[in-house]
Structure formats: structure tokens, C-alpha cells
Amino acid sequence: MRKGFGGLAYSLLFFVTAAAFLCTALSLSAAQKTKKSKNTDSSSQPMPSMPLSDADQIDHDIGEMLAAFELGDTEMMHKYYSDNATFVRGTFDPLLVGWQNYAALYNQSRAAFQGMQVIRRNTAIFTHGDVAWASYQWEFISMANGQPFSDRGQTTLIFNKIGGNWLIVHNHTSEVIPSPAAAPQPAGQQPAPPQTPAQRP
């Protein structure tokens, strides 16, 4: 009887050990599956970003540059301009040469405006090797001396790809002259509004 009890005890011990081993193995397997599913879950992993085409990159950069223009952040604007960029202004002034000269004029003329918004339309971008050009229409909206102010025109930017980045090397901006029917009253009747900041974007 003792022998039979011992055999039963041994069998029971074996069964308990085997069950414990099986539970441990199942729990480890479940944990590995959970970990594996977390690692392979595409929603938890960032998708690799597709590189932008040159035209898309230029379009993005123009948007960033205009945002900096609106905020008055010349440091951020400079990120998109070459140091020796040239600027054709919408006035009958000589060519402006160099980023620092432009930034000084921009900061000086910006002081007359309270808040600025630039709306860009009909952007066309062309690339040829490491040179590109973009043209767009713009509308400038702001407050000047407490009065609403708006202006509109067109800009053509010329880019050069330098070290993998497209930098503006030339900015030609033209204001659209209002038609005679829409022209303001003679200067003696109302003060002339300030000019749009230095170089419209």
C-alpha cells in the first residue's frame, strides 16, 4: 500500500510539475506573441516618410518662408535665402543685393503694420538640374495706422540647390497697379497708406 501511495504521490508530483511547466511555457509564449504583435503593429511604428519631389520641397519651403514673413521672423526667413540673394522690388528702386540689406529694409518697413497675412495662389514651379524657379500671385492683408490695408501682386523666385537644400537666390516681386477706375482719391483728400513691407514675399 505504501508503494502504491508513493507511486500515486510521484505521479501527482509529476503532473503538478508538468502543469506548472506548461503554464509557464504558455505564459511566456503569450508574452512573446504580445511583444511580437506590438513590434509588428504598423499603427504603433512611424511609417518611413517618402522623400518629397523637388517641386514639392520648393512649394513647402515657400510656405515656410511666407509664414516667417508674416511673423516677422527674419532668422527663419534667412533659412530659405542665400546670403547673396538679389531682390527686385515692386518700387522703382535699384536692385537690392544681399540678405542682410533686405532684412534691414524689411524690419524697418514692417514697423508700420499690425499683423500681416499673405495669401498665395496659382503657384507654378519648374526645375532644371540644380536650378528652379517658382511664380505665384499673392495678396497682402494687414492693418496700417489702425486702418485696413491690402495689396496684391506677383512674385518669381529663382532657386539654386546647394548642399541638398533649395535656396532662393533671386526674388522679383511686382505689385499690381490698380486700374484708373479703382484708383484712390487725390492725395490731398486722404493720407497715402504705407508701402507693403520692403520686399513683398
N, C-alpha and C. Protein backbone atom coordinates (compact mmCIF):
# COMPACT_ATOMS: atom_id res chain seq x y z
N MET A 1 0.82 -1.18 0.00
CA MET A 1 0.00 0.00 0.00
C MET A 1 0.86 1.25 0.00
N ARG A 2 1.91 1.21 0.82
CA ARG A 2 2.82 2.34 0.85
C ARG A 2 3.43 2.56 -0.52
N LYS A 3 3.77 1.43 -1.18
CA LYS A 3 4.35 1.51 -2.50
C LYS A 3 3.36 2.17 -3.48
N GLY A 4 2.10 1.74 -3.41
CA GLY A 4 1.09 2.33 -4.28
C GLY A 4 0.88 3.80 -3.98
N PHE A 5 0.89 4.17 -2.72
CA PHE A 5 0.74 5.57 -2.36
C PHE A 5 1.91 6.40 -2.88
N GLY A 6 3.11 5.82 -2.75
CA GLY A 6 4.31 6.52 -3.24
C GLY A 6 4.24 6.73 -4.74
N GLY A 7 3.78 5.68 -5.44
CA GLY A 7 3.64 5.81 -6.89
C GLY A 7 2.61 6.87 -7.25
N LEU A 8 1.50 6.89 -6.46
CA LEU A 8 0.48 7.90 -6.69
C LEU A 8 1.02 9.30 -6.41
N ALA A 9 1.77 9.41 -5.30
CA ALA A 9 2.37 10.70 -4.94
C ALA A 9 3.35 11.14 -6.02
N TYR A 10 4.13 10.18 -6.52
CA TYR A 10 5.09 10.50 -7.56
C TYR A 10 4.37 10.96 -8.82
N SER A 11 3.29 10.26 -9.17
CA SER A 11 2.53 10.62 -10.36
C SER A 11 1.90 12.00 -10.20
N LEU A 12 1.38 12.25 -8.99
CA LEU A 12 0.77 13.55 -8.70
C LEU A 12 1.81 14.68 -8.79
N LEU A 13 2.98 14.41 -8.21
CA LEU A 13 4.07 15.39 -8.24
C LEU A 13 4.50 15.67 -9.69
N PHE A 14 4.59 14.59 -10.48
CA PHE A 14 4.95 14.73 -11.88
C PHE A 14 3.90 15.57 -12.62
N PHE A 15 2.63 15.28 -12.35
CA PHE A 15 1.53 16.00 -13.01
C PHE A 15 1.56 17.48 -12.64
N VAL A 16 1.76 17.79 -11.33
CA VAL A 16 1.80 19.19 -10.88
C VAL A 16 2.99 19.91 -11.51
N THR A 17 4.15 19.25 -11.54
CA THR A 17 5.35 19.85 -12.13
C THR A 17 5.14 20.11 -13.63
N ALA A 18 4.55 19.09 -14.28
CA ALA A 18 4.31 19.24 -15.72
C ALA A 18 3.30 20.36 -15.99
N ALA A 19 2.26 20.45 -15.14
CA ALA A 19 1.26 21.50 -15.31
C ALA A 19 1.88 22.87 -15.09
N ALA A 20 2.74 22.97 -14.05
CA ALA A 20 3.40 24.25 -13.77
C ALA A 20 4.30 24.64 -14.96
N PHE A 21 5.03 23.65 -15.47
CA PHE A 21 5.91 23.91 -16.61
C PHE A 21 5.09 24.36 -17.82
N LEU A 22 3.98 23.67 -18.05
CA LEU A 22 3.12 24.01 -19.18
C LEU A 22 2.55 25.42 -19.04
N CYS A 23 2.10 25.77 -17.83
CA CYS A 23 1.57 27.13 -17.59
C CYS A 23 2.63 28.18 -17.84
N THR A 24 3.85 27.91 -17.35
CA THR A 24 4.95 28.86 -17.55
C THR A 24 5.26 29.02 -19.03
N ALA A 25 5.30 27.88 -19.74
CA ALA A 25 5.61 27.92 -21.16
C ALA A 25 4.52 28.68 -21.93
N LEU A 26 3.26 28.42 -21.57
CA LEU A 26 2.16 29.12 -22.24
C LEU A 26 2.20 30.61 -21.97
N SER A 27 2.50 30.98 -20.72
CA SER A 27 2.53 32.41 -20.39
C SER A 27 3.69 33.11 -21.10
N LEU A 28 4.87 32.43 -21.19
CA LEU A 28 6.00 33.01 -21.93
C LEU A 28 5.66 33.15 -23.41
N SER A 29 5.00 32.13 -23.95
CA SER A 29 4.62 32.17 -25.36
C SER A 29 3.64 33.31 -25.62
N ALA A 30 2.67 33.50 -24.72
CA ALA A 30 1.69 34.58 -24.87
C ALA A 30 2.38 35.94 -24.79
N ALA A 31 3.34 36.04 -23.85
CA ALA A 31 4.06 37.31 -23.71
C ALA A 31 4.86 37.61 -24.96
N GLN A 32 5.50 36.58 -25.54
CA GLN A 32 6.28 36.80 -26.75
C GLN A 32 5.38 37.19 -27.92
N LYS A 33 4.20 36.55 -28.00
CA LYS A 33 3.27 36.90 -29.07
C LYS A 33 2.80 38.34 -28.92
N THR A 34 2.51 38.75 -27.69
CA THR A 34 2.07 40.12 -27.44
C THR A 34 3.17 41.10 -27.83
N LYS A 35 4.40 40.77 -27.41
CA LYS A 35 5.53 41.64 -27.72
C LYS A 35 5.74 41.71 -29.24
N LYS A 36 5.65 40.52 -29.88
CA LYS A 36 5.84 40.47 -31.32
C LYS A 36 4.75 41.25 -32.04
N SER A 37 3.50 41.12 -31.57
CA SER A 37 2.42 41.84 -32.23
C SER A 37 2.56 43.34 -32.02
N LYS A 38 3.09 43.74 -30.86
CA LYS A 38 3.34 45.17 -30.64
C LYS A 38 4.42 45.68 -31.58
N ASN A 39 5.46 44.84 -31.77
CA ASN A 39 6.55 45.24 -32.64
C ASN A 39 6.14 45.30 -34.11
N THR A 40 5.18 44.42 -34.48
CA THR A 40 4.79 44.40 -35.88
C THR A 40 3.54 45.22 -36.14
N ASP A 41 2.95 45.79 -35.12
CA ASP A 41 1.75 46.60 -35.29
C ASP A 41 2.12 47.89 -36.02
N SER A 42 1.63 48.04 -37.25
CA SER A 42 2.04 49.19 -38.07
C SER A 42 1.55 50.51 -37.50
N SER A 43 0.47 50.46 -36.70
CA SER A 43 -0.03 51.72 -36.16
C SER A 43 0.85 52.28 -35.05
N SER A 44 1.64 51.40 -34.41
CA SER A 44 2.50 51.89 -33.33
C SER A 44 3.88 52.29 -33.83
N GLN A 45 4.20 51.95 -35.06
CA GLN A 45 5.50 52.31 -35.61
C GLN A 45 5.33 53.46 -36.60
N PRO A 46 6.20 54.46 -36.53
CA PRO A 46 6.10 55.54 -37.51
C PRO A 46 6.43 55.02 -38.90
N MET A 47 5.62 55.40 -39.85
CA MET A 47 5.88 55.00 -41.23
C MET A 47 7.05 55.82 -41.76
N PRO A 48 7.93 55.19 -42.50
CA PRO A 48 9.03 55.97 -43.07
C PRO A 48 8.46 57.01 -44.03
N SER A 49 8.95 58.24 -43.91
CA SER A 49 8.41 59.30 -44.75
C SER A 49 9.00 59.19 -46.16
N MET A 50 8.14 59.40 -47.12
CA MET A 50 8.57 59.35 -48.51
C MET A 50 9.29 60.67 -48.82
N PRO A 51 10.41 60.59 -49.51
CA PRO A 51 11.10 61.84 -49.85
C PRO A 51 10.23 62.67 -50.79
N LEU A 52 10.25 63.98 -50.59
CA LEU A 52 9.47 64.88 -51.44
C LEU A 52 10.17 65.08 -52.77
N SER A 53 9.39 65.30 -53.80
CA SER A 53 9.98 65.67 -55.09
C SER A 53 10.56 67.08 -54.94
N ASP A 54 11.41 67.48 -55.87
CA ASP A 54 12.00 68.82 -55.81
C ASP A 54 10.91 69.89 -55.81
N ALA A 55 9.90 69.72 -56.67
CA ALA A 55 8.83 70.72 -56.75
C ALA A 55 8.05 70.79 -55.44
N ASP A 56 7.77 69.62 -54.84
CA ASP A 56 7.05 69.62 -53.56
C ASP A 56 7.88 70.25 -52.45
N GLN A 57 9.19 69.98 -52.47
CA GLN A 57 10.07 70.57 -51.45
C GLN A 57 10.10 72.09 -51.59
N ILE A 58 10.19 72.57 -52.81
CA ILE A 58 10.21 74.02 -53.05
C ILE A 58 8.88 74.65 -52.62
N ASP A 59 7.77 74.00 -52.95
CA ASP A 59 6.46 74.51 -52.56
C ASP A 59 6.36 74.59 -51.03
N HIS A 60 6.83 73.56 -50.36
CA HIS A 60 6.85 73.54 -48.88
C HIS A 60 7.71 74.69 -48.34
N ASP A 61 8.89 74.87 -48.93
CA ASP A 61 9.81 75.92 -48.45
C ASP A 61 9.22 77.32 -48.66
N ILE A 62 8.52 77.53 -49.77
CA ILE A 62 7.88 78.83 -50.00
C ILE A 62 6.85 79.08 -48.89
N GLY A 63 6.07 78.06 -48.57
CA GLY A 63 5.07 78.20 -47.50
C GLY A 63 5.71 78.55 -46.16
N GLU A 64 6.82 77.89 -45.84
CA GLU A 64 7.53 78.17 -44.59
C GLU A 64 8.11 79.59 -44.59
N MET A 65 8.66 79.99 -45.73
CA MET A 65 9.23 81.33 -45.84
C MET A 65 8.15 82.40 -45.65
N LEU A 66 6.98 82.19 -46.26
CA LEU A 66 5.89 83.15 -46.13
C LEU A 66 5.35 83.20 -44.70
N ALA A 67 5.34 82.05 -44.03
CA ALA A 67 4.91 82.04 -42.62
C ALA A 67 5.86 82.88 -41.78
N ALA A 68 7.16 82.76 -42.04
CA ALA A 68 8.15 83.56 -41.33
C ALA A 68 7.99 85.04 -41.66
N PHE A 69 7.67 85.34 -42.93
CA PHE A 69 7.43 86.72 -43.36
C PHE A 69 6.28 87.33 -42.56
N GLU A 70 5.19 86.57 -42.43
CA GLU A 70 4.02 87.06 -41.68
C GLU A 70 4.35 87.31 -40.21
N LEU A 71 5.19 86.43 -39.64
CA LEU A 71 5.54 86.54 -38.22
C LEU A 71 6.62 87.58 -37.95
N GLY A 72 7.28 88.04 -39.00
CA GLY A 72 8.38 88.99 -38.81
C GLY A 72 9.65 88.31 -38.33
N ASP A 73 9.80 87.02 -38.62
CA ASP A 73 10.94 86.23 -38.16
C ASP A 73 11.99 86.17 -39.26
N THR A 74 12.88 87.16 -39.29
CA THR A 74 13.89 87.22 -40.34
C THR A 74 14.90 86.07 -40.23
N GLU A 75 15.13 85.60 -39.03
CA GLU A 75 16.07 84.48 -38.86
C GLU A 75 15.53 83.23 -39.56
N MET A 76 14.24 82.97 -39.38
CA MET A 76 13.62 81.82 -40.05
C MET A 76 13.56 82.04 -41.56
N MET A 77 13.26 83.28 -41.98
CA MET A 77 13.24 83.56 -43.42
C MET A 77 14.60 83.32 -44.06
N HIS A 78 15.65 83.67 -43.33
CA HIS A 78 17.00 83.54 -43.86
C HIS A 78 17.35 82.10 -44.20
N LYS A 79 16.71 81.17 -43.52
CA LYS A 79 16.94 79.74 -43.77
C LYS A 79 16.66 79.39 -45.24
N TYR A 80 15.81 80.15 -45.90
CA TYR A 80 15.40 79.84 -47.27
C TYR A 80 16.05 80.74 -48.31
N TYR A 81 16.87 81.69 -47.87
CA TYR A 81 17.53 82.62 -48.79
C TYR A 81 19.04 82.45 -48.75
N SER A 82 19.65 82.58 -49.90
CA SER A 82 21.11 82.62 -49.98
C SER A 82 21.60 83.95 -49.41
N ASP A 83 22.80 83.94 -48.84
CA ASP A 83 23.37 85.18 -48.28
C ASP A 83 23.50 86.28 -49.33
N ASN A 84 23.78 85.86 -50.57
CA ASN A 84 23.99 86.87 -51.63
C ASN A 84 22.78 86.99 -52.56
N ALA A 85 21.58 86.68 -52.04
CA ALA A 85 20.36 86.79 -52.84
C ALA A 85 20.15 88.22 -53.32
N THR A 86 19.50 88.35 -54.48
CA THR A 86 19.18 89.67 -55.02
C THR A 86 17.66 89.84 -55.03
N PHE A 87 17.21 91.10 -54.91
CA PHE A 87 15.78 91.40 -54.78
C PHE A 87 15.38 92.53 -55.72
N VAL A 88 14.43 92.24 -56.60
CA VAL A 88 13.82 93.28 -57.43
C VAL A 88 12.53 93.64 -56.72
N ARG A 89 12.43 94.90 -56.29
CA ARG A 89 11.27 95.33 -55.51
C ARG A 89 10.14 95.84 -56.40
N GLY A 90 8.98 95.98 -55.79
CA GLY A 90 7.81 96.46 -56.52
C GLY A 90 7.81 97.97 -56.68
N THR A 91 8.92 98.60 -56.35
CA THR A 91 9.05 100.05 -56.49
C THR A 91 10.14 100.33 -57.53
N PHE A 92 10.28 101.59 -57.91
CA PHE A 92 11.30 101.94 -58.91
C PHE A 92 12.62 102.24 -58.20
N ASP A 93 13.11 101.24 -57.46
CA ASP A 93 14.38 101.35 -56.74
C ASP A 93 15.38 100.39 -57.36
N PRO A 94 16.68 100.67 -57.18
CA PRO A 94 17.70 99.76 -57.73
C PRO A 94 17.60 98.36 -57.09
N LEU A 95 18.21 97.42 -57.75
CA LEU A 95 18.30 96.04 -57.27
C LEU A 95 18.89 96.03 -55.86
N LEU A 96 18.27 95.30 -54.96
CA LEU A 96 18.78 95.16 -53.60
C LEU A 96 19.63 93.89 -53.55
N VAL A 97 20.87 94.00 -53.11
CA VAL A 97 21.80 92.87 -53.14
C VAL A 97 22.17 92.45 -51.72
N GLY A 98 22.00 91.17 -51.42
CA GLY A 98 22.43 90.61 -50.14
C GLY A 98 21.30 90.48 -49.12
N TRP A 99 21.30 89.34 -48.43
CA TRP A 99 20.25 89.07 -47.44
C TRP A 99 20.22 90.13 -46.34
N GLN A 100 21.39 90.53 -45.83
CA GLN A 100 21.43 91.48 -44.71
C GLN A 100 20.80 92.82 -45.09
N ASN A 101 21.02 93.28 -46.31
CA ASN A 101 20.41 94.53 -46.76
C ASN A 101 18.90 94.39 -46.84
N TYR A 102 18.43 93.25 -47.33
CA TYR A 102 16.99 93.02 -47.40
C TYR A 102 16.38 92.97 -46.00
N ALA A 103 17.02 92.21 -45.08
CA ALA A 103 16.47 92.05 -43.73
C ALA A 103 16.36 93.40 -43.02
N ALA A 104 17.35 94.26 -43.20
CA ALA A 104 17.31 95.59 -42.56
C ALA A 104 16.13 96.40 -43.10
N LEU A 105 15.93 96.39 -44.40
CA LEU A 105 14.82 97.14 -45.01
C LEU A 105 13.47 96.54 -44.61
N TYR A 106 13.41 95.21 -44.57
CA TYR A 106 12.17 94.54 -44.16
C TYR A 106 11.79 94.94 -42.73
N ASN A 107 12.74 94.87 -41.80
CA ASN A 107 12.45 95.21 -40.40
C ASN A 107 12.03 96.68 -40.25
N GLN A 108 12.64 97.55 -41.02
CA GLN A 108 12.30 98.97 -40.95
C GLN A 108 10.88 99.23 -41.44
N SER A 109 10.49 98.63 -42.55
CA SER A 109 9.17 98.90 -43.12
C SER A 109 8.06 98.11 -42.41
N ARG A 110 8.41 97.01 -41.77
CA ARG A 110 7.41 96.18 -41.09
C ARG A 110 6.79 96.89 -39.88
N ALA A 111 7.51 97.82 -39.31
CA ALA A 111 7.04 98.51 -38.11
C ALA A 111 5.71 99.24 -38.32
N ALA A 112 5.36 99.57 -39.55
CA ALA A 112 4.12 100.30 -39.82
C ALA A 112 2.88 99.40 -39.80
N PHE A 113 3.08 98.08 -39.74
CA PHE A 113 1.97 97.14 -39.87
C PHE A 113 1.69 96.40 -38.57
N GLN A 114 0.41 96.19 -38.30
CA GLN A 114 0.00 95.42 -37.14
C GLN A 114 -0.64 94.12 -37.64
N GLY A 115 0.13 93.06 -37.61
CA GLY A 115 -0.36 91.77 -38.10
C GLY A 115 -0.34 91.74 -39.62
N MET A 116 0.17 90.66 -40.18
CA MET A 116 0.25 90.55 -41.63
C MET A 116 -0.20 89.16 -42.05
N GLN A 117 -0.88 89.10 -43.17
CA GLN A 117 -1.27 87.83 -43.76
C GLN A 117 -0.97 87.89 -45.25
N VAL A 118 -0.35 86.82 -45.74
CA VAL A 118 -0.05 86.72 -47.17
C VAL A 118 -0.78 85.49 -47.70
N ILE A 119 -1.63 85.70 -48.68
CA ILE A 119 -2.35 84.60 -49.32
C ILE A 119 -1.68 84.33 -50.66
N ARG A 120 -1.25 83.10 -50.84
CA ARG A 120 -0.54 82.73 -52.08
C ARG A 120 -1.47 81.89 -52.95
N ARG A 121 -1.46 82.20 -54.25
CA ARG A 121 -2.31 81.47 -55.20
C ARG A 121 -1.54 81.14 -56.48
N ASN A 122 -2.02 80.12 -57.16
CA ASN A 122 -1.54 79.78 -58.51
C ASN A 122 -0.02 79.65 -58.59
N THR A 123 0.54 78.86 -57.71
CA THR A 123 2.00 78.65 -57.71
C THR A 123 2.37 77.69 -58.84
N ALA A 124 3.35 78.08 -59.64
CA ALA A 124 3.89 77.21 -60.70
C ALA A 124 5.38 77.06 -60.45
N ILE A 125 5.85 75.81 -60.42
CA ILE A 125 7.26 75.53 -60.09
C ILE A 125 7.88 74.72 -61.22
N PHE A 126 9.09 75.13 -61.62
CA PHE A 126 9.81 74.45 -62.68
C PHE A 126 11.23 74.15 -62.18
N THR A 127 11.72 72.94 -62.45
CA THR A 127 13.08 72.58 -62.04
C THR A 127 13.88 72.15 -63.26
N HIS A 128 15.17 72.44 -63.20
CA HIS A 128 16.08 72.04 -64.26
C HIS A 128 17.45 71.83 -63.61
N GLY A 129 17.77 70.58 -63.32
CA GLY A 129 19.02 70.29 -62.63
C GLY A 129 19.02 70.89 -61.24
N ASP A 130 20.06 71.69 -60.94
CA ASP A 130 20.15 72.30 -59.61
C ASP A 130 19.63 73.74 -59.60
N VAL A 131 18.84 74.10 -60.63
CA VAL A 131 18.22 75.42 -60.71
C VAL A 131 16.70 75.23 -60.82
N ALA A 132 15.95 76.09 -60.16
CA ALA A 132 14.49 76.04 -60.24
C ALA A 132 13.93 77.44 -60.15
N TRP A 133 12.70 77.61 -60.62
CA TRP A 133 12.03 78.90 -60.47
C TRP A 133 10.57 78.65 -60.16
N ALA A 134 10.02 79.56 -59.40
CA ALA A 134 8.62 79.46 -58.99
C ALA A 134 7.96 80.82 -59.13
N SER A 135 6.74 80.83 -59.64
CA SER A 135 5.98 82.08 -59.75
C SER A 135 4.64 81.88 -59.06
N TYR A 136 4.17 82.92 -58.38
CA TYR A 136 2.86 82.85 -57.74
C TYR A 136 2.27 84.25 -57.61
N GLN A 137 0.97 84.27 -57.42
CA GLN A 137 0.26 85.51 -57.13
C GLN A 137 0.08 85.60 -55.62
N TRP A 138 0.05 86.81 -55.09
CA TRP A 138 -0.11 86.98 -53.65
C TRP A 138 -1.06 88.14 -53.36
N GLU A 139 -1.66 88.04 -52.18
CA GLU A 139 -2.46 89.14 -51.65
C GLU A 139 -1.98 89.40 -50.24
N PHE A 140 -1.66 90.64 -49.96
CA PHE A 140 -1.15 91.05 -48.65
C PHE A 140 -2.27 91.77 -47.91
N ILE A 141 -2.57 91.32 -46.68
CA ILE A 141 -3.63 91.91 -45.87
C ILE A 141 -3.06 92.26 -44.50
N SER A 142 -3.36 93.49 -44.03
CA SER A 142 -2.82 93.91 -42.74
C SER A 142 -3.62 95.11 -42.22
N MET A 143 -3.18 95.62 -41.08
CA MET A 143 -3.66 96.89 -40.53
C MET A 143 -2.48 97.84 -40.52
N ALA A 144 -2.69 99.04 -41.01
CA ALA A 144 -1.64 100.05 -41.03
C ALA A 144 -2.20 101.34 -40.46
N ASN A 145 -1.57 101.82 -39.40
CA ASN A 145 -2.05 103.04 -38.72
C ASN A 145 -3.53 102.92 -38.33
N GLY A 146 -3.91 101.71 -37.90
CA GLY A 146 -5.27 101.49 -37.44
C GLY A 146 -6.30 101.33 -38.55
N GLN A 147 -5.85 101.32 -39.80
CA GLN A 147 -6.77 101.18 -40.94
C GLN A 147 -6.47 99.89 -41.70
N PRO A 148 -7.52 99.24 -42.24
CA PRO A 148 -7.26 98.05 -43.07
C PRO A 148 -6.41 98.41 -44.28
N PHE A 149 -5.51 97.52 -44.61
CA PHE A 149 -4.61 97.74 -45.74
C PHE A 149 -4.47 96.44 -46.52
N SER A 150 -4.51 96.53 -47.84
CA SER A 150 -4.27 95.34 -48.66
C SER A 150 -3.51 95.73 -49.91
N ASP A 151 -2.84 94.75 -50.46
CA ASP A 151 -2.02 94.95 -51.65
C ASP A 151 -1.97 93.60 -52.34
N ARG A 152 -1.70 93.60 -53.63
CA ARG A 152 -1.57 92.32 -54.31
C ARG A 152 -0.60 92.43 -55.46
N GLY A 153 -0.08 91.28 -55.87
CA GLY A 153 0.90 91.29 -56.94
C GLY A 153 1.36 89.89 -57.28
N GLN A 154 2.55 89.83 -57.87
CA GLN A 154 3.12 88.56 -58.31
C GLN A 154 4.59 88.51 -57.93
N THR A 155 5.05 87.29 -57.68
CA THR A 155 6.46 87.10 -57.33
C THR A 155 7.02 85.94 -58.14
N THR A 156 8.26 86.10 -58.58
CA THR A 156 9.01 85.00 -59.18
C THR A 156 10.28 84.81 -58.35
N LEU A 157 10.50 83.59 -57.91
CA LEU A 157 11.69 83.24 -57.13
C LEU A 157 12.57 82.32 -57.97
N ILE A 158 13.87 82.54 -57.92
CA ILE A 158 14.83 81.64 -58.56
C ILE A 158 15.61 80.95 -57.45
N PHE A 159 15.72 79.62 -57.57
CA PHE A 159 16.37 78.79 -56.55
C PHE A 159 17.63 78.15 -57.12
N ASN A 160 18.57 77.89 -56.22
CA ASN A 160 19.75 77.10 -56.55
C ASN A 160 19.87 76.01 -55.49
N LYS A 161 20.09 74.78 -55.92
CA LYS A 161 20.22 73.68 -54.96
C LYS A 161 21.65 73.66 -54.46
N ILE A 162 21.80 73.91 -53.16
CA ILE A 162 23.13 73.99 -52.55
C ILE A 162 23.15 73.04 -51.37
N GLY A 163 24.03 72.03 -51.44
CA GLY A 163 24.14 71.06 -50.34
C GLY A 163 22.83 70.34 -50.04
N GLY A 164 22.04 70.06 -51.06
CA GLY A 164 20.79 69.34 -50.87
C GLY A 164 19.60 70.22 -50.51
N ASN A 165 19.83 71.53 -50.31
CA ASN A 165 18.75 72.46 -49.97
C ASN A 165 18.52 73.44 -51.12
N TRP A 166 17.25 73.74 -51.37
CA TRP A 166 16.91 74.74 -52.37
C TRP A 166 16.90 76.12 -51.71
N LEU A 167 17.80 77.00 -52.13
CA LEU A 167 17.88 78.35 -51.57
C LEU A 167 17.46 79.38 -52.61
N ILE A 168 16.72 80.39 -52.16
CA ILE A 168 16.31 81.47 -53.06
C ILE A 168 17.53 82.36 -53.32
N VAL A 169 17.85 82.53 -54.61
CA VAL A 169 18.98 83.39 -54.97
C VAL A 169 18.51 84.68 -55.63
N HIS A 170 17.23 84.71 -56.03
CA HIS A 170 16.70 85.92 -56.66
C HIS A 170 15.20 85.98 -56.40
N ASN A 171 14.72 87.17 -55.99
CA ASN A 171 13.31 87.39 -55.71
C ASN A 171 12.87 88.61 -56.51
N HIS A 172 11.93 88.41 -57.43
CA HIS A 172 11.40 89.51 -58.24
C HIS A 172 9.93 89.65 -57.90
N THR A 173 9.58 90.74 -57.25
CA THR A 173 8.21 90.98 -56.80
C THR A 173 7.65 92.22 -57.48
N SER A 174 6.43 92.09 -57.97
CA SER A 174 5.75 93.21 -58.63
C SER A 174 4.38 93.41 -58.02
N GLU A 175 4.07 94.63 -57.73
CA GLU A 175 2.74 95.00 -57.25
C GLU A 175 1.82 95.19 -58.45
N VAL A 176 0.58 94.76 -58.31
CA VAL A 176 -0.40 95.00 -59.36
C VAL A 176 -0.92 96.42 -59.18
N ILE A 177 -0.77 97.24 -60.19
CA ILE A 177 -1.23 98.63 -60.12
C ILE A 177 -2.75 98.64 -60.33
N PRO A 178 -3.50 99.28 -59.42
CA PRO A 178 -4.95 99.31 -59.61
C PRO A 178 -5.32 100.03 -60.90
N SER A 179 -6.42 99.62 -61.50
CA SER A 179 -6.88 100.28 -62.73
C SER A 179 -7.32 101.71 -62.38
N PRO A 180 -7.31 102.63 -63.35
CA PRO A 180 -7.68 104.02 -63.05
C PRO A 180 -9.04 104.14 -62.40
N ALA A 181 -9.99 103.29 -62.74
CA ALA A 181 -11.33 103.37 -62.15
C ALA A 181 -11.30 103.06 -60.67
N ALA A 182 -10.34 102.21 -60.26
CA ALA A 182 -10.25 101.81 -58.86
C ALA A 182 -9.22 102.62 -58.09
N ALA A 183 -8.61 103.60 -58.74
CA ALA A 183 -7.55 104.39 -58.10
C ALA A 183 -8.14 105.21 -56.95
N PRO A 184 -7.35 105.43 -55.88
CA PRO A 184 -7.84 106.22 -54.75
C PRO A 184 -8.02 107.69 -55.13
N GLN A 185 -8.71 108.42 -54.28
CA GLN A 185 -8.95 109.86 -54.49
C GLN A 185 -7.61 110.60 -54.48
N PRO A 186 -7.57 111.82 -54.99
CA PRO A 186 -6.31 112.59 -54.99
C PRO A 186 -5.68 112.64 -53.61
N ALA A 187 -4.37 112.72 -53.59
CA ALA A 187 -3.61 112.65 -52.34
C ALA A 187 -4.02 113.72 -51.34
N GLY A 188 -4.51 114.85 -51.77
CA GLY A 188 -4.89 115.91 -50.85
C GLY A 188 -6.10 115.56 -49.99
N GLN A 189 -6.89 114.60 -50.40
CA GLN A 189 -8.11 114.27 -49.68
C GLN A 189 -7.91 113.22 -48.60
N GLN A 190 -6.90 112.37 -48.73
CA GLN A 190 -6.65 111.36 -47.70
C GLN A 190 -5.17 111.03 -47.66
N PRO A 191 -4.66 110.64 -46.50
CA PRO A 191 -3.24 110.30 -46.42
C PRO A 191 -2.94 109.02 -47.19
N ALA A 192 -1.79 108.98 -47.82
CA ALA A 192 -1.40 107.78 -48.58
C ALA A 192 -1.04 106.66 -47.60
N PRO A 193 -1.46 105.42 -47.89
CA PRO A 193 -1.12 104.31 -46.99
C PRO A 193 0.36 103.99 -47.08
N PRO A 194 0.91 103.35 -46.06
CA PRO A 194 2.33 102.97 -46.13
C PRO A 194 2.53 101.89 -47.18
N GLN A 195 3.76 101.76 -47.62
CA GLN A 195 4.08 100.70 -48.58
C GLN A 195 4.14 99.37 -47.85
N THR A 196 3.81 98.31 -48.56
CA THR A 196 3.93 96.96 -48.01
C THR A 196 5.38 96.75 -47.58
N PRO A 197 5.62 95.95 -46.53
CA PRO A 197 7.00 95.77 -46.07
C PRO A 197 7.97 95.50 -47.20
N ALA A 198 9.08 96.19 -47.10
CA ALA A 198 10.21 96.18 -48.01
C ALA A 198 9.99 95.36 -49.27
N GLN A 199 10.21 94.13 -49.17
CA GLN A 199 10.10 93.26 -50.32
C GLN A 199 8.94 92.34 -50.04
N ARG A 200 7.91 92.47 -50.80
CA ARG A 200 6.81 91.55 -50.61
C ARG A 200 7.35 90.16 -50.92
N PRO A 201 6.80 89.17 -50.31
CA PRO A 201 7.38 87.82 -50.42
C PRO A 201 7.26 87.24 -51.81
